[in-house]
Amino acid sequence: MVKPEIRHAGIVDVIFGKNVTVVQPVNLYGCTIGDGTFVGPFVEIQKGANIGKRCRIQSHSFICELVTIGDDCFISHSAMFINDLFGEGGPAGKPELWRPTKLGNHVSVGTNATILPVTICDRVVIGAGAVVTKDVTVPGIYAGNPAGLLRKL
């Protein structure tokens, strides 16, 4: 019988602000999580990711390396952040090919939304299931694939 390599989820080398709540199980490593933030179960936040103050990261969300999330943001269930655009026809073999993502303050990301390496300005709502492929520079509500502006806020 061949035994598999077993890896455990957990919390390793995380910098926590004050009054942070984390619901296990999670996989948090090498990231920073700001004051008053809530992290739900089955969330992964990778090294180098920075989560602002008073955010809510709901269950089953994935926040990869090179992601910065501002203050007072809401990341809904199963939201996915991507740092690899598969620019060479498949997964980037080198992290230097990955690209950063930056969310401003007061950004809400809907359930099952996918955020590619982009910059999103303050006061934006990304609808459920949206795929954000380009920078968002105007506060408003965005939805669709690719995500487009529905109305300004």
Protein backbone atom coordinates (compact mmCIF):
# COMPACT_ATOMS: atom_id res chain seq x y z
CA MET A 1 0.00 0.00 0.00
CA VAL A 2 1.38 3.40 -1.01
CA LYS A 3 0.87 6.21 1.48
CA PRO A 4 0.12 9.71 0.15
CA GLU A 5 1.94 12.83 1.26
CA ILE A 6 -0.30 14.39 3.91
CA ARG A 7 -0.44 18.18 4.21
CA HIS A 8 -2.36 19.92 6.94
CA ALA A 9 -4.37 23.12 6.75
CA GLY A 10 -3.62 25.60 9.46
CA ILE A 11 -2.40 29.03 10.44
CA VAL A 12 1.32 29.67 9.96
CA ASP A 13 3.32 32.93 10.08
CA VAL A 14 0.26 35.20 9.94
CA ILE A 15 0.32 38.77 11.21
CA PHE A 16 -3.04 39.49 12.83
CA GLY A 17 -4.43 42.88 13.80
CA LYS A 18 -6.61 43.36 16.86
CA ASN A 19 -10.00 41.65 17.24
CA VAL A 20 -9.67 39.31 14.25
CA THR A 21 -12.05 36.32 14.10
CA VAL A 22 -11.07 33.13 12.25
CA VAL A 23 -13.42 30.15 11.89
CA GLN A 24 -11.57 26.85 11.41
CA PRO A 25 -10.71 25.04 9.24
CA VAL A 26 -8.68 27.57 7.27
CA ASN A 27 -5.36 27.64 5.46
CA LEU A 28 -3.66 30.95 6.24
CA TYR A 29 0.07 31.37 5.79
CA GLY A 30 2.48 34.26 5.47
CA CYS A 31 -0.30 36.84 5.11
CA THR A 32 -1.40 39.94 7.00
CA ILE A 33 -4.96 40.38 8.30
CA GLY A 34 -6.09 43.76 9.62
CA ASP A 35 -7.98 44.81 12.75
CA GLY A 36 -11.56 43.64 13.16
CA THR A 37 -11.54 41.33 10.14
CA PHE A 38 -13.59 38.12 9.98
CA VAL A 39 -12.32 35.04 8.11
CA GLY A 40 -14.83 32.25 7.56
CA PRO A 41 -14.24 28.50 7.30
CA PHE A 42 -12.58 26.80 4.33
CA VAL A 43 -10.75 29.99 3.31
CA GLU A 44 -7.20 30.00 1.95
CA ILE A 45 -5.11 33.16 2.10
CA GLN A 46 -1.59 32.73 0.75
CA LYS A 47 1.72 34.31 1.66
CA GLY A 48 2.19 37.96 0.89
CA ALA A 49 -1.55 38.66 0.69
CA ASN A 50 -2.70 41.68 2.69
CA ILE A 51 -6.24 42.01 4.03
CA GLY A 52 -7.34 45.39 5.38
CA LYS A 53 -9.27 46.39 8.46
CA ARG A 54 -12.90 45.44 9.15
CA CYS A 55 -13.17 43.07 6.18
CA ARG A 56 -15.33 39.95 5.93
CA ILE A 57 -13.87 37.03 4.03
CA GLN A 58 -16.68 34.49 3.68
CA SER A 59 -16.35 30.71 3.44
CA HIS A 60 -14.61 28.87 0.60
CA SER A 61 -12.83 31.98 -0.73
CA PHE A 62 -9.34 31.78 -2.19
CA ILE A 63 -6.98 34.75 -1.95
CA CYS A 64 -3.65 34.06 -3.60
CA GLU A 65 -0.24 35.67 -3.38
CA LEU A 66 0.09 39.28 -4.58
CA VAL A 67 -3.46 40.24 -3.54
CA THR A 68 -4.07 43.38 -1.48
CA ILE A 69 -7.56 44.07 -0.17
CA GLY A 70 -8.39 47.50 1.30
CA ASP A 71 -10.40 48.35 4.39
CA ASP A 72 -14.11 47.62 4.91
CA CYS A 73 -14.30 45.08 2.07
CA PHE A 74 -16.65 42.12 1.76
CA ILE A 75 -15.50 38.99 -0.05
CA SER A 76 -18.46 36.65 -0.50
CA HIS A 77 -18.58 32.87 -0.54
CA SER A 78 -16.33 31.09 -3.05
CA ALA A 79 -14.80 34.26 -4.49
CA MET A 80 -11.54 33.46 -6.28
CA PHE A 81 -8.52 35.66 -6.87
CA ILE A 82 -6.10 34.70 -9.66
CA ASN A 83 -2.49 35.86 -10.05
CA ASP A 84 -1.50 33.72 -13.04
CA LEU A 85 -2.89 34.63 -16.48
CA PHE A 86 -1.51 31.47 -18.13
CA GLY A 87 0.30 33.85 -20.51
CA GLU A 88 2.59 31.08 -21.74
CA GLY A 89 -0.21 28.63 -22.51
CA GLY A 90 -0.34 26.98 -19.09
CA PRO A 91 0.46 27.58 -15.45
CA ALA A 92 3.40 29.95 -14.97
CA GLY A 93 6.38 27.95 -13.86
CA LYS A 94 7.91 31.00 -12.21
CA PRO A 95 6.29 33.34 -9.65
CA GLU A 96 7.86 36.34 -11.40
CA LEU A 97 5.27 35.80 -14.15
CA TRP A 98 2.39 36.28 -11.68
CA ARG A 99 0.62 39.63 -11.50
CA PRO A 100 -0.78 41.59 -8.51
CA THR A 101 -4.38 42.41 -7.66
CA LYS A 102 -5.39 45.44 -5.60
CA LEU A 103 -8.84 46.21 -4.21
CA GLY A 104 -9.56 49.65 -2.82
CA ASN A 105 -11.69 50.38 0.23
CA HIS A 106 -15.41 49.54 0.49
CA VAL A 107 -15.31 46.91 -2.26
CA SER A 108 -17.81 44.04 -2.20
CA VAL A 109 -17.14 40.93 -4.25
CA GLY A 110 -20.12 38.63 -4.89
CA THR A 111 -20.41 34.87 -4.55
CA ASN A 112 -18.42 32.87 -7.11
CA ALA A 113 -16.84 35.98 -8.63
CA THR A 114 -13.39 35.57 -10.17
CA ILE A 115 -10.93 38.45 -9.95
CA LEU A 116 -7.99 38.34 -12.33
CA PRO A 117 -4.87 40.51 -11.74
CA VAL A 118 -6.49 43.96 -11.79
CA THR A 119 -6.85 47.12 -9.74
CA ILE A 120 -10.33 47.94 -8.42
CA CYS A 121 -10.98 51.46 -7.11
CA ASP A 122 -12.87 52.35 -3.92
CA ARG A 123 -16.65 51.86 -3.58
CA VAL A 124 -17.26 49.08 -6.08
CA VAL A 125 -19.67 46.16 -6.06
CA ILE A 126 -18.72 43.10 -8.11
CA GLY A 127 -21.79 40.94 -8.79
CA ALA A 128 -22.12 37.24 -8.12
CA GLY A 129 -20.43 35.13 -10.76
CA ALA A 130 -18.70 38.10 -12.40
CA VAL A 131 -15.30 37.69 -14.01
CA VAL A 132 -13.22 40.84 -13.63
CA THR A 133 -10.65 40.95 -16.43
CA LYS A 134 -9.80 44.69 -16.55
CA ASP A 135 -9.07 47.46 -14.07
CA VAL A 136 -12.13 49.09 -12.50
CA THR A 137 -11.59 52.85 -12.24
CA VAL A 138 -15.14 54.16 -11.72
CA PRO A 139 -17.13 53.45 -8.52
CA GLY A 140 -20.18 51.41 -9.41
CA ILE A 141 -21.83 48.04 -9.75
CA TYR A 142 -20.18 45.59 -12.14
CA ALA A 143 -21.45 42.21 -13.34
CA GLY A 144 -21.08 39.68 -16.13
CA ASN A 145 -18.32 37.85 -17.96
CA PRO A 146 -16.32 39.88 -18.63
CA ALA A 147 -17.57 42.23 -15.90
CA GLY A 148 -18.97 45.52 -17.10
CA LEU A 149 -20.42 48.62 -15.44
CA LEU A 150 -24.16 48.32 -14.76
CA ARG A 151 -24.50 51.65 -13.02
CA LYS A 152 -22.37 54.21 -11.23
CA LEU A 153 -22.55 54.66 -7.47
